[in-house]
Amino acid sequence: MYNRFLITLIFIISTLFSFGQDFARATYYEFGFVDTLTQEVDWSDKVKMDPALVTLGSRNLKIHTEKFQQFFFKSSKYELSEVKGYYYHSYTADGKKCVIYIYTEDDGLNYLEIEYQNYIIRYHLKNLE
């Protein structure tokens, strides 16, 4: 009985880890407001936040902040051409359309951006793999 339980437990744990979600911590955020005429983005000052776990699955992205956020991917990921990274056409839990960008700048900093029609939320990430 004990051996059967142990084998089942090992199988469940290995199955959970085989789905391989990427983990990162968001440490800062900032808002970008899109000028509807010029399409230029005016960024706010960056704001330090309590580190928030970010998990990336094959079909969704979760940000574990005080107000839990979940985004669902409508498409496969697409590679970015200007920087090392990718993006997904997505929607929020309440159906709002957005585009999720995950990328690394030339200076080595990692970012997660959630772009809506008129504004962008950018999170600064640590330990992105």
C-alpha atoms as a PDB file:
ATOM      1  CA  MET A   1       0.000   0.000   0.000  1.00  0.00           C
ATOM      2  CA  TYR A   2       2.761   2.440   0.969  1.00  0.00           C
ATOM      3  CA  ASN A   3       4.748   1.653  -2.211  1.00  0.00           C
ATOM      4  CA  ARG A   4       1.703   2.239  -4.396  1.00  0.00           C
ATOM      5  CA  PHE A   5       1.107   5.624  -2.716  1.00  0.00           C
ATOM      6  CA  LEU A   6       4.769   6.593  -3.141  1.00  0.00           C
ATOM      7  CA  ILE A   7       4.808   5.616  -6.834  1.00  0.00           C
ATOM      8  CA  THR A   8       1.580   7.550  -7.447  1.00  0.00           C
ATOM      9  CA  LEU A   9       2.967  10.609  -5.657  1.00  0.00           C
ATOM     10  CA  ILE A  10       6.198  10.520  -7.690  1.00  0.00           C
ATOM     11  CA  PHE A  11       4.198  10.186 -10.921  1.00  0.00           C
ATOM     12  CA  ILE A  12       1.986  13.173 -10.053  1.00  0.00           C
ATOM     13  CA  ILE A  13       4.951  15.375  -9.133  1.00  0.00           C
ATOM     14  CA  SER A  14       6.889  14.456 -12.285  1.00  0.00           C
ATOM     15  CA  THR A  15       3.798  15.111 -14.419  1.00  0.00           C
ATOM     16  CA  LEU A  16       3.340  18.551 -12.879  1.00  0.00           C
ATOM     17  CA  PHE A  17       6.975  19.506 -13.521  1.00  0.00           C
ATOM     18  CA  SER A  18       6.890  18.194 -17.093  1.00  0.00           C
ATOM     19  CA  PHE A  19       4.557  21.037 -18.111  1.00  0.00           C
ATOM     20  CA  GLY A  20       7.491  23.388 -17.458  1.00  0.00           C
ATOM     21  CA  GLN A  21       6.225  26.861 -16.718  1.00  0.00           C
ATOM     22  CA  ASP A  22       8.755  29.666 -16.822  1.00  0.00           C
ATOM     23  CA  PHE A  23       9.084  31.671 -13.637  1.00  0.00           C
ATOM     24  CA  ALA A  24      10.139  35.265 -13.103  1.00  0.00           C
ATOM     25  CA  ARG A  25       9.626  37.970 -10.520  1.00  0.00           C
ATOM     26  CA  ALA A  26       8.251  41.372 -11.428  1.00  0.00           C
ATOM     27  CA  THR A  27      10.041  44.006  -9.334  1.00  0.00           C
ATOM     28  CA  TYR A  28       9.014  47.322 -10.944  1.00  0.00           C
ATOM     29  CA  TYR A  29       6.225  48.498 -13.198  1.00  0.00           C
ATOM     30  CA  GLU A  30       5.415  51.566 -15.254  1.00  0.00           C
ATOM     31  CA  PHE A  31       2.557  52.776 -17.414  1.00  0.00           C
ATOM     32  CA  GLY A  32       2.802  53.919 -20.998  1.00  0.00           C
ATOM     33  CA  PHE A  33       0.085  56.074 -22.510  1.00  0.00           C
ATOM     34  CA  VAL A  34      -0.237  55.910 -26.294  1.00  0.00           C
ATOM     35  CA  ASP A  35      -0.785  59.175 -28.176  1.00  0.00           C
ATOM     36  CA  THR A  36      -3.564  58.311 -30.622  1.00  0.00           C
ATOM     37  CA  LEU A  37      -2.259  60.741 -33.274  1.00  0.00           C
ATOM     38  CA  THR A  38       1.479  60.005 -33.242  1.00  0.00           C
ATOM     39  CA  GLN A  39       1.377  56.476 -31.720  1.00  0.00           C
ATOM     40  CA  GLU A  40       4.268  57.536 -29.462  1.00  0.00           C
ATOM     41  CA  VAL A  41       4.319  56.233 -25.904  1.00  0.00           C
ATOM     42  CA  ASP A  42       4.692  58.561 -22.918  1.00  0.00           C
ATOM     43  CA  TRP A  43       6.064  56.469 -20.021  1.00  0.00           C
ATOM     44  CA  SER A  44       5.409  57.154 -16.336  1.00  0.00           C
ATOM     45  CA  ASP A  45       8.186  56.900 -13.763  1.00  0.00           C
ATOM     46  CA  LYS A  46       8.982  53.336 -12.786  1.00  0.00           C
ATOM     47  CA  VAL A  47       7.461  52.225  -9.491  1.00  0.00           C
ATOM     48  CA  LYS A  48       9.028  49.663  -7.141  1.00  0.00           C
ATOM     49  CA  MET A  49       6.614  46.898  -6.195  1.00  0.00           C
ATOM     50  CA  ASP A  50       6.602  43.896  -3.892  1.00  0.00           C
ATOM     51  CA  PRO A  51       8.108  41.111  -6.025  1.00  0.00           C
ATOM     52  CA  ALA A  52       5.304  39.326  -7.860  1.00  0.00           C
ATOM     53  CA  LEU A  53       5.577  35.824  -9.280  1.00  0.00           C
ATOM     54  CA  VAL A  54       5.010  35.623 -13.040  1.00  0.00           C
ATOM     55  CA  THR A  55       4.214  32.213 -14.550  1.00  0.00           C
ATOM     56  CA  LEU A  56       4.137  31.503 -18.249  1.00  0.00           C
ATOM     57  CA  GLY A  57       2.325  28.416 -19.455  1.00  0.00           C
ATOM     58  CA  SER A  58       1.686  27.167 -22.963  1.00  0.00           C
ATOM     59  CA  ARG A  59      -1.755  28.812 -23.080  1.00  0.00           C
ATOM     60  CA  ASN A  60      -1.692  31.543 -20.462  1.00  0.00           C
ATOM     61  CA  LEU A  61       0.266  34.029 -18.391  1.00  0.00           C
ATOM     62  CA  LYS A  62      -0.373  34.683 -14.686  1.00  0.00           C
ATOM     63  CA  ILE A  63       0.847  37.588 -12.593  1.00  0.00           C
ATOM     64  CA  HIS A  64       0.490  36.963  -8.871  1.00  0.00           C
ATOM     65  CA  THR A  65       0.087  40.521  -7.607  1.00  0.00           C
ATOM     66  CA  GLU A  66      -2.309  41.725  -4.914  1.00  0.00           C
ATOM     67  CA  LYS A  67      -4.953  41.645  -7.646  1.00  0.00           C
ATOM     68  CA  PHE A  68      -4.336  38.334  -9.444  1.00  0.00           C
ATOM     69  CA  GLN A  69      -4.086  38.748 -13.228  1.00  0.00           C
ATOM     70  CA  GLN A  70      -4.509  36.036 -15.844  1.00  0.00           C
ATOM     71  CA  PHE A  71      -4.177  36.337 -19.614  1.00  0.00           C
ATOM     72  CA  PHE A  72      -5.079  33.731 -22.219  1.00  0.00           C
ATOM     73  CA  PHE A  73      -3.254  33.359 -25.526  1.00  0.00           C
ATOM     74  CA  LYS A  74      -5.339  33.476 -28.725  1.00  0.00           C
ATOM     75  CA  SER A  75      -2.343  32.572 -30.889  1.00  0.00           C
ATOM     76  CA  SER A  76       1.008  30.866 -30.905  1.00  0.00           C
ATOM     77  CA  LYS A  77       3.978  32.982 -29.935  1.00  0.00           C
ATOM     78  CA  TYR A  78       5.582  35.175 -32.575  1.00  0.00           C
ATOM     79  CA  GLU A  79       9.251  36.175 -32.567  1.00  0.00           C
ATOM     80  CA  LEU A  80      10.155  39.859 -32.256  1.00  0.00           C
ATOM     81  CA  SER A  81      12.544  41.221 -34.867  1.00  0.00           C
ATOM     82  CA  GLU A  82      13.995  44.260 -33.049  1.00  0.00           C
ATOM     83  CA  VAL A  83      14.950  42.573 -29.747  1.00  0.00           C
ATOM     84  CA  LYS A  84      15.288  39.057 -28.362  1.00  0.00           C
ATOM     85  CA  GLY A  85      11.778  38.019 -27.395  1.00  0.00           C
ATOM     86  CA  TYR A  86       8.308  37.137 -28.528  1.00  0.00           C
ATOM     87  CA  TYR A  87       4.647  38.172 -28.271  1.00  0.00           C
ATOM     88  CA  TYR A  88       1.182  36.651 -28.054  1.00  0.00           C
ATOM     89  CA  HIS A  89      -2.207  37.983 -29.151  1.00  0.00           C
ATOM     90  CA  SER A  90      -4.168  37.560 -25.935  1.00  0.00           C
ATOM     91  CA  TYR A  91      -7.206  38.456 -23.864  1.00  0.00           C
ATOM     92  CA  THR A  92      -7.883  39.023 -20.178  1.00  0.00           C
ATOM     93  CA  ALA A  93     -10.116  36.900 -17.946  1.00  0.00           C
ATOM     94  CA  ASP A  94     -12.949  39.390 -18.631  1.00  0.00           C
ATOM     95  CA  GLY A  95     -12.437  39.235 -22.423  1.00  0.00           C
ATOM     96  CA  LYS A  96     -10.437  42.432 -23.030  1.00  0.00           C
ATOM     97  CA  LYS A  97      -8.033  42.165 -26.005  1.00  0.00           C
ATOM     98  CA  CYS A  98      -4.323  42.770 -25.462  1.00  0.00           C
ATOM     99  CA  VAL A  99      -0.901  41.809 -26.750  1.00  0.00           C
ATOM    100  CA  ILE A 100       1.661  40.270 -24.383  1.00  0.00           C
ATOM    101  CA  TYR A 101       5.352  41.010 -25.092  1.00  0.00           C
ATOM    102  CA  ILE A 102       8.200  39.241 -23.288  1.00  0.00           C
ATOM    103  CA  TYR A 103      11.659  40.415 -24.283  1.00  0.00           C
ATOM    104  CA  THR A 104      15.240  41.214 -23.318  1.00  0.00           C
ATOM    105  CA  GLU A 105      16.762  44.586 -24.186  1.00  0.00           C
ATOM    106  CA  ASP A 106      20.342  44.977 -25.431  1.00  0.00           C
ATOM    107  CA  ASP A 107      21.398  45.969 -21.897  1.00  0.00           C
ATOM    108  CA  GLY A 108      20.255  42.535 -20.608  1.00  0.00           C
ATOM    109  CA  LEU A 109      17.139  43.740 -18.773  1.00  0.00           C
ATOM    110  CA  ASN A 110      14.005  41.585 -19.097  1.00  0.00           C
ATOM    111  CA  TYR A 111      10.506  42.983 -19.574  1.00  0.00           C
ATOM    112  CA  LEU A 112       6.901  41.896 -19.743  1.00  0.00           C
ATOM    113  CA  GLU A 113       4.541  44.330 -21.490  1.00  0.00           C
ATOM    114  CA  ILE A 114       0.787  44.120 -21.670  1.00  0.00           C
ATOM    115  CA  GLU A 115      -0.426  46.365 -24.459  1.00  0.00           C
ATOM    116  CA  TYR A 116      -4.040  47.449 -24.605  1.00  0.00           C
ATOM    117  CA  GLN A 117      -5.577  49.813 -27.149  1.00  0.00           C
ATOM    118  CA  ASN A 118      -4.487  53.102 -25.523  1.00  0.00           C
ATOM    119  CA  TYR A 119      -2.035  52.144 -22.785  1.00  0.00           C
ATOM    120  CA  ILE A 120       0.716  49.693 -21.854  1.00  0.00           C
ATOM    121  CA  ILE A 121       1.763  48.205 -18.527  1.00  0.00           C
ATOM    122  CA  ARG A 122       5.442  47.237 -18.424  1.00  0.00           C
ATOM    123  CA  TYR A 123       6.885  45.007 -15.707  1.00  0.00           C
ATOM    124  CA  HIS A 124      10.633  44.738 -15.081  1.00  0.00           C
ATOM    125  CA  LEU A 125      11.506  41.067 -14.587  1.00  0.00           C
ATOM    126  CA  LYS A 126      14.205  39.230 -12.634  1.00  0.00           C
ATOM    127  CA  ASN A 127      15.326  35.610 -13.132  1.00  0.00           C
ATOM    128  CA  LEU A 128      13.490  35.107 -16.416  1.00  0.00           C
ATOM    129  CA  GLU A 129      14.429  31.779 -17.980  1.00  0.00           C
END
